Amino acid sequence: MAKARVRALPKGTLTLERVMDDLVADGLLAADNKRLLSGIYAGQESSDKHALEIIAERDWADASNPHRKLTLERLTEWLAQRADLPNVRIDPLKIDVASITDVMSYAYAKRFNIVALEVSDDAVTIATAEPYVREWEHELEGILRRKIHRVLANPREIERYLLEFYTLARSVQGAHRDQGQELAPGVQNLEQL
């Protein structure tokens, strides 16, 4: 009797080489383009940019569909499928900034490049651009005593909204503190502010 093979998910931070290898294996990136980009980034230990951003900046055609570009959105969709995670677009108007910024500190969120998107009594939905980095998930589940639902989001969106959400929360809290007021209970998202 044959056993079904279960694909083991990799662990750790995405590297440019690892992402390019996977893109070539999945038929989205031409091997010549991989060699070209590998040569450009040879010897560089790390970059401030996410691997998906570096590849998207090349503006290459999708090898599986030459009429389609390997945009950051396309690459994010691909990675979400590969990592078996839901792909989300962050809608700042639907975010309860006060509750999501209470989940974790800005420093912690920045360290792991994650941002909470939704908080309920028993669960927290958190977006990441690093699907194989999981240590934060177990730490937060223990601290929050809530189930963590991981989703994948565009790394640029995470970086942008992480800063915006925490800056807004700090500004609103500071303004109310300066006026000796509590935050109005109905003011919970950017649209209401």
N, C-alpha and C. Protein backbone atom coordinates (compact mmCIF):
# COMPACT_ATOMS: atom_id res chain seq x y z
N MET A 1 0.85 -1.18 0.00
CA MET A 1 0.00 0.00 0.00
C MET A 1 0.90 1.24 0.00
N ALA A 2 0.67 2.14 -0.94
CA ALA A 2 1.48 3.35 -1.06
C ALA A 2 0.98 4.41 -0.10
N LYS A 3 1.93 5.08 0.50
CA LYS A 3 1.59 6.18 1.42
C LYS A 3 1.56 7.47 0.63
N ALA A 4 0.62 8.32 0.97
CA ALA A 4 0.53 9.63 0.33
C ALA A 4 1.70 10.48 0.80
N ARG A 5 2.33 11.15 -0.14
CA ARG A 5 3.45 12.01 0.22
C ARG A 5 2.93 13.37 0.64
N VAL A 6 3.41 13.82 1.75
CA VAL A 6 3.07 15.15 2.23
C VAL A 6 4.30 16.02 2.05
N ARG A 7 4.12 17.13 1.34
CA ARG A 7 5.25 18.02 1.10
C ARG A 7 5.57 18.78 2.37
N ALA A 8 6.79 18.63 2.84
CA ALA A 8 7.22 19.35 4.04
C ALA A 8 7.50 20.80 3.66
N LEU A 9 6.93 21.70 4.42
CA LEU A 9 7.17 23.12 4.16
C LEU A 9 8.54 23.50 4.68
N PRO A 10 9.26 24.32 3.93
CA PRO A 10 10.57 24.76 4.39
C PRO A 10 10.45 25.64 5.63
N LYS A 11 11.57 25.87 6.26
CA LYS A 11 11.60 26.74 7.44
C LYS A 11 12.57 27.87 7.19
N GLY A 12 12.36 28.97 7.91
CA GLY A 12 13.29 30.08 7.86
C GLY A 12 12.89 31.18 6.89
N THR A 13 13.70 32.21 6.90
CA THR A 13 13.48 33.40 6.09
C THR A 13 13.69 33.09 4.61
N LEU A 14 12.88 33.69 3.78
CA LEU A 14 13.04 33.52 2.34
C LEU A 14 14.32 34.21 1.88
N THR A 15 15.08 33.52 1.07
CA THR A 15 16.25 34.12 0.45
C THR A 15 15.97 34.29 -1.03
N LEU A 16 16.69 35.16 -1.65
CA LEU A 16 16.51 35.39 -3.08
C LEU A 16 16.75 34.10 -3.86
N GLU A 17 17.82 33.39 -3.54
CA GLU A 17 18.13 32.14 -4.24
C GLU A 17 17.02 31.11 -4.07
N ARG A 18 16.55 30.98 -2.87
CA ARG A 18 15.49 30.01 -2.58
C ARG A 18 14.21 30.33 -3.36
N VAL A 19 13.83 31.60 -3.38
CA VAL A 19 12.62 32.00 -4.10
C VAL A 19 12.81 31.79 -5.60
N MET A 20 13.97 32.16 -6.12
CA MET A 20 14.21 31.97 -7.55
C MET A 20 14.21 30.49 -7.91
N ASP A 21 14.82 29.65 -7.09
CA ASP A 21 14.80 28.20 -7.34
C ASP A 21 13.37 27.68 -7.42
N ASP A 22 12.54 28.13 -6.49
CA ASP A 22 11.14 27.69 -6.47
C ASP A 22 10.37 28.22 -7.68
N LEU A 23 10.65 29.46 -8.07
CA LEU A 23 9.98 30.02 -9.25
C LEU A 23 10.37 29.28 -10.52
N VAL A 24 11.65 28.92 -10.65
CA VAL A 24 12.11 28.14 -11.80
C VAL A 24 11.44 26.76 -11.78
N ALA A 25 11.42 26.12 -10.61
CA ALA A 25 10.81 24.79 -10.47
C ALA A 25 9.32 24.82 -10.83
N ASP A 26 8.65 25.93 -10.52
CA ASP A 26 7.22 26.06 -10.81
C ASP A 26 6.94 26.62 -12.20
N GLY A 27 8.01 26.90 -12.95
CA GLY A 27 7.85 27.35 -14.33
C GLY A 27 7.52 28.81 -14.52
N LEU A 28 7.66 29.62 -13.49
CA LEU A 28 7.34 31.05 -13.60
C LEU A 28 8.54 31.91 -13.97
N LEU A 29 9.74 31.43 -13.67
CA LEU A 29 10.95 32.21 -13.92
C LEU A 29 11.87 31.42 -14.85
N ALA A 30 12.36 32.09 -15.88
CA ALA A 30 13.30 31.45 -16.81
C ALA A 30 14.64 31.25 -16.10
N ALA A 31 15.28 30.13 -16.36
CA ALA A 31 16.56 29.81 -15.73
C ALA A 31 17.61 30.88 -16.06
N ASP A 32 17.57 31.44 -17.27
CA ASP A 32 18.52 32.50 -17.65
C ASP A 32 18.35 33.73 -16.77
N ASN A 33 17.11 34.09 -16.47
CA ASN A 33 16.86 35.24 -15.60
C ASN A 33 17.35 34.97 -14.19
N LYS A 34 17.19 33.74 -13.73
CA LYS A 34 17.70 33.37 -12.40
C LYS A 34 19.22 33.54 -12.36
N ARG A 35 19.90 33.05 -13.40
CA ARG A 35 21.37 33.17 -13.43
C ARG A 35 21.79 34.63 -13.45
N LEU A 36 21.09 35.44 -14.23
CA LEU A 36 21.40 36.87 -14.32
C LEU A 36 21.28 37.54 -12.95
N LEU A 37 20.15 37.33 -12.28
CA LEU A 37 19.93 37.96 -10.98
C LEU A 37 20.86 37.39 -9.92
N SER A 38 21.15 36.11 -10.00
CA SER A 38 22.10 35.50 -9.05
C SER A 38 23.46 36.15 -9.18
N GLY A 39 23.87 36.44 -10.42
CA GLY A 39 25.15 37.09 -10.66
C GLY A 39 25.19 38.50 -10.10
N ILE A 40 24.09 39.22 -10.23
CA ILE A 40 24.02 40.60 -9.72
C ILE A 40 24.12 40.62 -8.20
N TYR A 41 23.46 39.66 -7.54
CA TYR A 41 23.42 39.66 -6.08
C TYR A 41 24.42 38.70 -5.45
N ALA A 42 25.33 38.14 -6.24
CA ALA A 42 26.33 37.21 -5.72
C ALA A 42 27.18 37.90 -4.65
N GLY A 43 27.38 37.22 -3.56
CA GLY A 43 28.22 37.74 -2.49
C GLY A 43 27.53 38.67 -1.53
N GLN A 44 26.31 39.08 -1.83
CA GLN A 44 25.58 39.95 -0.91
C GLN A 44 24.84 39.07 0.08
N GLU A 45 25.14 39.27 1.33
CA GLU A 45 24.52 38.45 2.38
C GLU A 45 23.03 38.71 2.51
N SER A 46 22.64 39.96 2.48
CA SER A 46 21.23 40.26 2.65
C SER A 46 20.91 41.59 1.96
N SER A 47 19.64 41.84 1.86
CA SER A 47 19.17 43.08 1.26
C SER A 47 18.08 43.64 2.16
N ASP A 48 17.89 44.94 2.10
CA ASP A 48 16.80 45.55 2.86
C ASP A 48 15.46 45.20 2.23
N LYS A 49 15.50 44.73 1.00
CA LYS A 49 14.27 44.41 0.28
C LYS A 49 13.95 42.93 0.41
N HIS A 50 12.67 42.65 0.39
CA HIS A 50 12.18 41.28 0.38
C HIS A 50 12.53 40.65 -0.97
N ALA A 51 12.77 39.35 -0.99
CA ALA A 51 13.13 38.65 -2.22
C ALA A 51 12.09 38.87 -3.33
N LEU A 52 10.81 38.89 -2.97
CA LEU A 52 9.77 39.11 -3.98
C LEU A 52 9.88 40.50 -4.60
N GLU A 53 10.25 41.49 -3.79
CA GLU A 53 10.40 42.86 -4.31
C GLU A 53 11.56 42.94 -5.30
N ILE A 54 12.65 42.27 -4.98
CA ILE A 54 13.82 42.29 -5.86
C ILE A 54 13.48 41.69 -7.23
N ILE A 55 12.77 40.57 -7.22
CA ILE A 55 12.39 39.92 -8.47
C ILE A 55 11.37 40.77 -9.23
N ALA A 56 10.39 41.32 -8.53
CA ALA A 56 9.36 42.14 -9.19
C ALA A 56 9.96 43.37 -9.86
N GLU A 57 10.99 43.94 -9.28
CA GLU A 57 11.63 45.13 -9.84
C GLU A 57 12.26 44.87 -11.20
N ARG A 58 12.55 43.62 -11.51
CA ARG A 58 13.15 43.28 -12.80
C ARG A 58 12.15 43.39 -13.95
N ASP A 59 10.86 43.39 -13.62
CA ASP A 59 9.80 43.55 -14.62
C ASP A 59 9.85 42.45 -15.70
N TRP A 60 10.14 41.23 -15.27
CA TRP A 60 10.23 40.11 -16.19
C TRP A 60 8.85 39.54 -16.49
N ALA A 61 8.75 38.90 -17.64
CA ALA A 61 7.53 38.19 -18.00
C ALA A 61 7.46 36.89 -17.22
N ASP A 62 6.26 36.47 -16.94
CA ASP A 62 6.00 35.17 -16.31
C ASP A 62 6.33 34.11 -17.37
N ALA A 63 7.26 33.22 -17.09
CA ALA A 63 7.68 32.21 -18.07
C ALA A 63 6.53 31.27 -18.45
N SER A 64 5.55 31.13 -17.56
CA SER A 64 4.41 30.25 -17.86
C SER A 64 3.34 30.97 -18.68
N ASN A 65 3.41 32.30 -18.72
CA ASN A 65 2.45 33.10 -19.48
C ASN A 65 3.13 34.41 -19.86
N PRO A 66 3.78 34.45 -21.03
CA PRO A 66 4.58 35.62 -21.42
C PRO A 66 3.81 36.94 -21.50
N HIS A 67 2.48 36.87 -21.52
CA HIS A 67 1.67 38.09 -21.56
C HIS A 67 1.46 38.67 -20.16
N ARG A 68 1.95 37.97 -19.19
CA ARG A 68 1.77 38.40 -17.79
C ARG A 68 3.13 38.67 -17.17
N LYS A 69 3.23 39.75 -16.41
CA LYS A 69 4.49 40.13 -15.76
C LYS A 69 4.57 39.50 -14.36
N LEU A 70 5.80 39.33 -13.91
CA LEU A 70 6.02 38.87 -12.53
C LEU A 70 6.00 40.10 -11.62
N THR A 71 4.81 40.62 -11.40
CA THR A 71 4.64 41.78 -10.53
C THR A 71 4.71 41.33 -9.08
N LEU A 72 4.79 42.27 -8.19
CA LEU A 72 4.81 41.93 -6.77
C LEU A 72 3.52 41.23 -6.37
N GLU A 73 2.40 41.67 -6.92
CA GLU A 73 1.12 41.01 -6.61
C GLU A 73 1.10 39.58 -7.13
N ARG A 74 1.57 39.37 -8.35
CA ARG A 74 1.60 38.02 -8.93
C ARG A 74 2.51 37.11 -8.10
N LEU A 75 3.67 37.62 -7.72
CA LEU A 75 4.61 36.83 -6.92
C LEU A 75 4.04 36.52 -5.54
N THR A 76 3.31 37.47 -4.96
CA THR A 76 2.69 37.25 -3.65
C THR A 76 1.61 36.18 -3.76
N GLU A 77 0.81 36.23 -4.82
CA GLU A 77 -0.21 35.19 -5.04
C GLU A 77 0.45 33.82 -5.18
N TRP A 78 1.52 33.77 -5.95
CA TRP A 78 2.25 32.51 -6.15
C TRP A 78 2.77 31.96 -4.82
N LEU A 79 3.40 32.84 -4.02
CA LEU A 79 3.96 32.41 -2.75
C LEU A 79 2.86 31.93 -1.80
N ALA A 80 1.74 32.61 -1.80
CA ALA A 80 0.62 32.19 -0.95
C ALA A 80 0.16 30.78 -1.32
N GLN A 81 0.04 30.52 -2.61
CA GLN A 81 -0.35 29.17 -3.05
C GLN A 81 0.70 28.15 -2.64
N ARG A 82 1.95 28.48 -2.85
CA ARG A 82 3.04 27.55 -2.54
C ARG A 82 3.10 27.25 -1.05
N ALA A 83 2.85 28.26 -0.22
CA ALA A 83 2.91 28.10 1.24
C ALA A 83 1.57 27.64 1.82
N ASP A 84 0.57 27.50 0.97
CA ASP A 84 -0.76 27.07 1.39
C ASP A 84 -1.36 28.02 2.44
N LEU A 85 -1.26 29.32 2.14
CA LEU A 85 -1.83 30.35 3.00
C LEU A 85 -2.78 31.22 2.19
N PRO A 86 -3.82 31.77 2.83
CA PRO A 86 -4.66 32.73 2.11
C PRO A 86 -3.86 33.99 1.77
N ASN A 87 -4.08 34.51 0.58
CA ASN A 87 -3.44 35.76 0.16
C ASN A 87 -4.43 36.89 0.42
N VAL A 88 -4.01 37.94 1.11
CA VAL A 88 -4.91 39.05 1.41
C VAL A 88 -4.32 40.38 0.92
N ARG A 89 -5.23 41.28 0.59
CA ARG A 89 -4.87 42.67 0.35
C ARG A 89 -5.29 43.42 1.61
N ILE A 90 -4.42 44.23 2.14
CA ILE A 90 -4.72 44.95 3.37
C ILE A 90 -5.59 46.16 3.03
N ASP A 91 -6.76 46.23 3.65
CA ASP A 91 -7.67 47.36 3.47
C ASP A 91 -7.65 48.17 4.76
N PRO A 92 -6.94 49.30 4.77
CA PRO A 92 -6.80 50.06 6.01
C PRO A 92 -8.12 50.59 6.56
N LEU A 93 -9.13 50.71 5.71
CA LEU A 93 -10.41 51.22 6.19
C LEU A 93 -11.20 50.18 6.97
N LYS A 94 -10.79 48.94 6.90
CA LYS A 94 -11.48 47.87 7.63
C LYS A 94 -10.72 47.43 8.87
N ILE A 95 -9.66 48.13 9.20
CA ILE A 95 -8.81 47.74 10.32
C ILE A 95 -9.19 48.52 11.58
N ASP A 96 -9.37 47.79 12.66
CA ASP A 96 -9.58 48.40 13.98
C ASP A 96 -8.18 48.64 14.55
N VAL A 97 -7.66 49.82 14.27
CA VAL A 97 -6.27 50.14 14.60
C VAL A 97 -5.97 49.97 16.08
N ALA A 98 -6.88 50.42 16.94
CA ALA A 98 -6.65 50.31 18.38
C ALA A 98 -6.48 48.86 18.81
N SER A 99 -7.32 47.97 18.32
CA SER A 99 -7.22 46.57 18.77
C SER A 99 -6.03 45.85 18.14
N ILE A 100 -5.71 46.13 16.89
CA ILE A 100 -4.59 45.39 16.28
C ILE A 100 -3.24 45.86 16.81
N THR A 101 -3.14 47.12 17.21
CA THR A 101 -1.87 47.59 17.75
C THR A 101 -1.69 47.18 19.21
N ASP A 102 -2.76 46.74 19.86
CA ASP A 102 -2.65 46.21 21.22
C ASP A 102 -2.16 44.76 21.25
N VAL A 103 -2.19 44.09 20.12
CA VAL A 103 -1.81 42.68 20.05
C VAL A 103 -0.33 42.49 20.33
N MET A 104 0.50 43.38 19.78
CA MET A 104 1.95 43.28 19.94
C MET A 104 2.55 44.66 19.78
N SER A 105 3.76 44.81 20.25
CA SER A 105 4.45 46.09 20.13
C SER A 105 4.90 46.30 18.68
N TYR A 106 5.16 47.56 18.36
CA TYR A 106 5.67 47.88 17.03
C TYR A 106 7.00 47.18 16.80
N ALA A 107 7.87 47.20 17.80
CA ALA A 107 9.20 46.59 17.66
C ALA A 107 9.09 45.10 17.34
N TYR A 108 8.17 44.41 18.00
CA TYR A 108 7.98 42.98 17.77
C TYR A 108 7.44 42.75 16.36
N ALA A 109 6.44 43.52 15.97
CA ALA A 109 5.86 43.39 14.64
C ALA A 109 6.90 43.68 13.56
N LYS A 110 7.71 44.70 13.76
CA LYS A 110 8.75 45.07 12.79
C LYS A 110 9.81 43.98 12.70
N ARG A 111 10.17 43.42 13.84
CA ARG A 111 11.20 42.37 13.87
C ARG A 111 10.83 41.19 12.97
N PHE A 112 9.55 40.81 13.00
CA PHE A 112 9.10 39.67 12.21
C PHE A 112 8.39 40.07 10.92
N ASN A 113 8.26 41.38 10.69
CA ASN A 113 7.58 41.90 9.51
C ASN A 113 6.17 41.31 9.39
N ILE A 114 5.42 41.48 10.47
CA ILE A 114 4.04 40.99 10.54
C ILE A 114 3.14 42.13 10.99
N VAL A 115 1.86 42.01 10.68
CA VAL A 115 0.89 43.01 11.15
C VAL A 115 -0.44 42.30 11.40
N ALA A 116 -1.02 42.59 12.56
CA ALA A 116 -2.33 42.03 12.88
C ALA A 116 -3.37 42.75 12.02
N LEU A 117 -4.35 41.99 11.55
CA LEU A 117 -5.39 42.57 10.70
C LEU A 117 -6.77 42.52 11.34
N GLU A 118 -6.98 41.53 12.19
CA GLU A 118 -8.29 41.37 12.81
C GLU A 118 -8.12 40.67 14.15
N VAL A 119 -8.88 41.15 15.13
CA VAL A 119 -8.82 40.59 16.48
C VAL A 119 -10.23 40.24 16.93
N SER A 120 -10.40 39.02 17.41
CA SER A 120 -11.68 38.62 18.00
C SER A 120 -11.39 38.06 19.39
N ASP A 121 -12.43 37.63 20.09
CA ASP A 121 -12.24 37.11 21.44
C ASP A 121 -11.37 35.86 21.47
N ASP A 122 -11.41 35.07 20.41
CA ASP A 122 -10.67 33.81 20.44
C ASP A 122 -9.61 33.65 19.36
N ALA A 123 -9.44 34.66 18.48
CA ALA A 123 -8.46 34.52 17.39
C ALA A 123 -7.92 35.88 16.95
N VAL A 124 -6.75 35.82 16.34
CA VAL A 124 -6.12 37.00 15.75
C VAL A 124 -5.63 36.61 14.36
N THR A 125 -5.97 37.41 13.36
CA THR A 125 -5.48 37.19 12.00
C THR A 125 -4.26 38.08 11.81
N ILE A 126 -3.16 37.47 11.41
CA ILE A 126 -1.90 38.20 11.26
C ILE A 126 -1.33 37.95 9.87
N ALA A 127 -0.97 39.05 9.20
CA ALA A 127 -0.37 38.98 7.87
C ALA A 127 1.14 38.93 7.99
N THR A 128 1.74 38.11 7.15
CA THR A 128 3.18 37.97 7.08
C THR A 128 3.62 37.93 5.63
N ALA A 129 4.86 38.27 5.37
CA ALA A 129 5.44 38.09 4.04
C ALA A 129 6.50 37.00 4.10
N GLU A 130 6.67 36.40 5.27
CA GLU A 130 7.63 35.32 5.50
C GLU A 130 6.87 34.09 5.97
N PRO A 131 6.30 33.33 5.04
CA PRO A 131 5.42 32.23 5.43
C PRO A 131 6.08 31.09 6.19
N TYR A 132 7.40 30.98 6.11
CA TYR A 132 8.07 29.86 6.76
C TYR A 132 8.73 30.23 8.09
N VAL A 133 8.60 31.47 8.49
CA VAL A 133 9.05 31.90 9.82
C VAL A 133 7.85 31.79 10.74
N ARG A 134 7.93 30.89 11.71
CA ARG A 134 6.75 30.57 12.53
C ARG A 134 6.96 30.83 14.02
N GLU A 135 8.16 31.18 14.45
CA GLU A 135 8.41 31.29 15.90
C GLU A 135 7.50 32.30 16.57
N TRP A 136 7.20 33.41 15.89
CA TRP A 136 6.33 34.44 16.46
C TRP A 136 4.93 33.90 16.70
N GLU A 137 4.48 33.01 15.85
CA GLU A 137 3.12 32.47 15.95
C GLU A 137 2.92 31.75 17.29
N HIS A 138 3.85 30.90 17.64
CA HIS A 138 3.74 30.15 18.90
C HIS A 138 3.90 31.07 20.11
N GLU A 139 4.80 32.05 19.99
CA GLU A 139 4.98 33.01 21.09
C GLU A 139 3.69 33.80 21.34
N LEU A 140 3.09 34.32 20.28
CA LEU A 140 1.88 35.13 20.43
C LEU A 140 0.69 34.31 20.90
N GLU A 141 0.56 33.07 20.41
CA GLU A 141 -0.54 32.22 20.89
C GLU A 141 -0.45 32.03 22.39
N GLY A 142 0.76 31.83 22.89
CA GLY A 142 0.94 31.64 24.33
C GLY A 142 0.64 32.90 25.13
N ILE A 143 1.05 34.03 24.62
CA ILE A 143 0.84 35.29 25.33
C ILE A 143 -0.61 35.75 25.25
N LEU A 144 -1.18 35.69 24.05
CA LEU A 144 -2.54 36.21 23.82
C LEU A 144 -3.63 35.22 24.22
N ARG A 145 -3.27 33.96 24.28
CA ARG A 145 -4.24 32.88 24.55
C ARG A 145 -5.39 32.93 23.53
N ARG A 146 -4.98 33.13 22.30
CA ARG A 146 -5.91 33.15 21.17
C ARG A 146 -5.28 32.37 20.02
N LYS A 147 -6.12 31.83 19.19
CA LYS A 147 -5.65 31.13 18.00
C LYS A 147 -5.12 32.16 17.01
N ILE A 148 -4.01 31.84 16.36
CA ILE A 148 -3.43 32.72 15.36
C ILE A 148 -3.78 32.18 13.98
N HIS A 149 -4.35 33.03 13.14
CA HIS A 149 -4.62 32.69 11.74
C HIS A 149 -3.61 33.46 10.90
N ARG A 150 -2.70 32.75 10.26
CA ARG A 150 -1.71 33.39 9.41
C ARG A 150 -2.25 33.58 8.00
N VAL A 151 -1.98 34.73 7.42
CA VAL A 151 -2.29 35.00 6.02
C VAL A 151 -1.06 35.64 5.40
N LEU A 152 -0.97 35.58 4.09
CA LEU A 152 0.17 36.16 3.39
C LEU A 152 -0.26 37.47 2.74
N ALA A 153 0.60 38.47 2.85
CA ALA A 153 0.33 39.77 2.22
C ALA A 153 1.59 40.27 1.54
N ASN A 154 1.40 41.15 0.62
CA ASN A 154 2.46 41.81 -0.11
C ASN A 154 3.44 42.44 0.90
N PRO A 155 4.75 42.20 0.78
CA PRO A 155 5.70 42.74 1.75
C PRO A 155 5.71 44.26 1.83
N ARG A 156 5.46 44.93 0.72
CA ARG A 156 5.40 46.40 0.74
C ARG A 156 4.21 46.90 1.53
N GLU A 157 3.07 46.22 1.37
CA GLU A 157 1.88 46.60 2.12
C GLU A 157 2.11 46.42 3.62
N ILE A 158 2.71 45.32 3.99
CA ILE A 158 2.96 45.08 5.41
C ILE A 158 3.85 46.17 5.97
N GLU A 159 4.93 46.48 5.28
CA GLU A 159 5.85 47.52 5.75
C GLU A 159 5.14 48.87 5.86
N ARG A 160 4.38 49.21 4.84
CA ARG A 160 3.68 50.50 4.82
C ARG A 160 2.66 50.61 5.94
N TYR A 161 1.77 49.62 6.03
CA TYR A 161 0.68 49.72 7.00
C TYR A 161 1.14 49.48 8.42
N LEU A 162 2.18 48.72 8.59
CA LEU A 162 2.74 48.53 9.93
C LEU A 162 3.11 49.89 10.51
N LEU A 163 3.84 50.67 9.75
CA LEU A 163 4.24 52.00 10.21
C LEU A 163 3.02 52.91 10.38
N GLU A 164 2.12 52.92 9.40
CA GLU A 164 0.95 53.80 9.47
C GLU A 164 0.05 53.47 10.66
N PHE A 165 -0.23 52.20 10.87
CA PHE A 165 -1.14 51.81 11.96
C PHE A 165 -0.56 52.18 13.32
N TYR A 166 0.71 51.88 13.55
CA TYR A 166 1.30 52.16 14.85
C TYR A 166 1.51 53.66 15.06
N THR A 167 1.82 54.39 14.00
CA THR A 167 1.95 55.85 14.10
C THR A 167 0.60 56.47 14.42
N LEU A 168 -0.45 56.02 13.75
CA LEU A 168 -1.79 56.53 14.01
C LEU A 168 -2.23 56.23 15.44
N ALA A 169 -2.01 55.00 15.88
CA ALA A 169 -2.42 54.63 17.25
C ALA A 169 -1.69 55.48 18.28
N ARG A 170 -0.40 55.69 18.06
CA ARG A 170 0.38 56.50 18.99
C ARG A 170 -0.10 57.95 18.98
N SER A 171 -0.41 58.49 17.81
CA SER A 171 -0.89 59.87 17.70
C SER A 171 -2.24 60.06 18.38
N VAL A 172 -3.16 59.13 18.14
CA VAL A 172 -4.49 59.23 18.74
C VAL A 172 -4.40 59.11 20.25
N GLN A 173 -3.61 58.16 20.73
CA GLN A 173 -3.45 58.00 22.18
C GLN A 173 -2.82 59.24 22.80
N GLY A 174 -1.81 59.79 22.12
CA GLY A 174 -1.15 60.98 22.63
C GLY A 174 -2.07 62.19 22.66
N ALA A 175 -2.87 62.36 21.63
CA ALA A 175 -3.80 63.49 21.57
C ALA A 175 -4.84 63.40 22.69
N HIS A 176 -5.35 62.22 22.90
CA HIS A 176 -6.36 62.05 23.96
C HIS A 176 -5.73 62.19 25.35
N ARG A 177 -4.52 61.72 25.49
CA ARG A 177 -3.84 61.84 26.78
C ARG A 177 -3.55 63.31 27.08
N ASP A 178 -3.14 64.06 26.06
CA ASP A 178 -2.87 65.49 26.24
C ASP A 178 -4.11 66.26 26.64
N GLN A 179 -5.26 65.80 26.18
CA GLN A 179 -6.52 66.46 26.51
C GLN A 179 -7.18 65.84 27.73
N GLY A 180 -6.55 64.86 28.31
CA GLY A 180 -7.11 64.21 29.50
C GLY A 180 -8.37 63.43 29.21
N GLN A 181 -8.49 62.92 27.99
CA GLN A 181 -9.70 62.18 27.58
C GLN A 181 -9.36 60.73 27.32
N GLU A 182 -10.38 59.92 27.44
CA GLU A 182 -10.29 58.53 27.02
C GLU A 182 -10.65 58.48 25.55
N LEU A 183 -10.15 57.49 24.84
CA LEU A 183 -10.49 57.31 23.44
C LEU A 183 -11.96 56.95 23.32
N ALA A 184 -12.66 57.63 22.44
CA ALA A 184 -14.09 57.37 22.25
C ALA A 184 -14.30 55.91 21.84
N PRO A 185 -15.25 55.22 22.47
CA PRO A 185 -15.42 53.80 22.20
C PRO A 185 -15.79 53.47 20.76
N GLY A 186 -16.43 54.38 20.05
CA GLY A 186 -16.83 54.10 18.68
C GLY A 186 -15.74 54.34 17.65
N VAL A 187 -14.65 54.99 18.03
CA VAL A 187 -13.60 55.32 17.08
C VAL A 187 -12.60 54.17 17.06
N GLN A 188 -12.70 53.35 16.00
CA GLN A 188 -11.86 52.17 15.97
C GLN A 188 -11.13 51.95 14.66
N ASN A 189 -11.47 52.64 13.61
CA ASN A 189 -10.73 52.41 12.38
C ASN A 189 -10.45 53.73 11.67
N LEU A 190 -9.66 53.66 10.62
CA LEU A 190 -9.24 54.87 9.92
C LEU A 190 -10.41 55.64 9.34
N GLU A 191 -11.42 54.94 8.88
CA GLU A 191 -12.58 55.60 8.28
C GLU A 191 -13.31 56.45 9.32
N GLN A 192 -13.43 55.95 10.54
CA GLN A 192 -14.12 56.69 11.60
C GLN A 192 -13.29 57.86 12.09
N LEU A 193 -11.97 57.76 12.01
CA LEU A 193 -11.12 58.86 12.46
C LEU A 193 -11.12 59.94 11.40
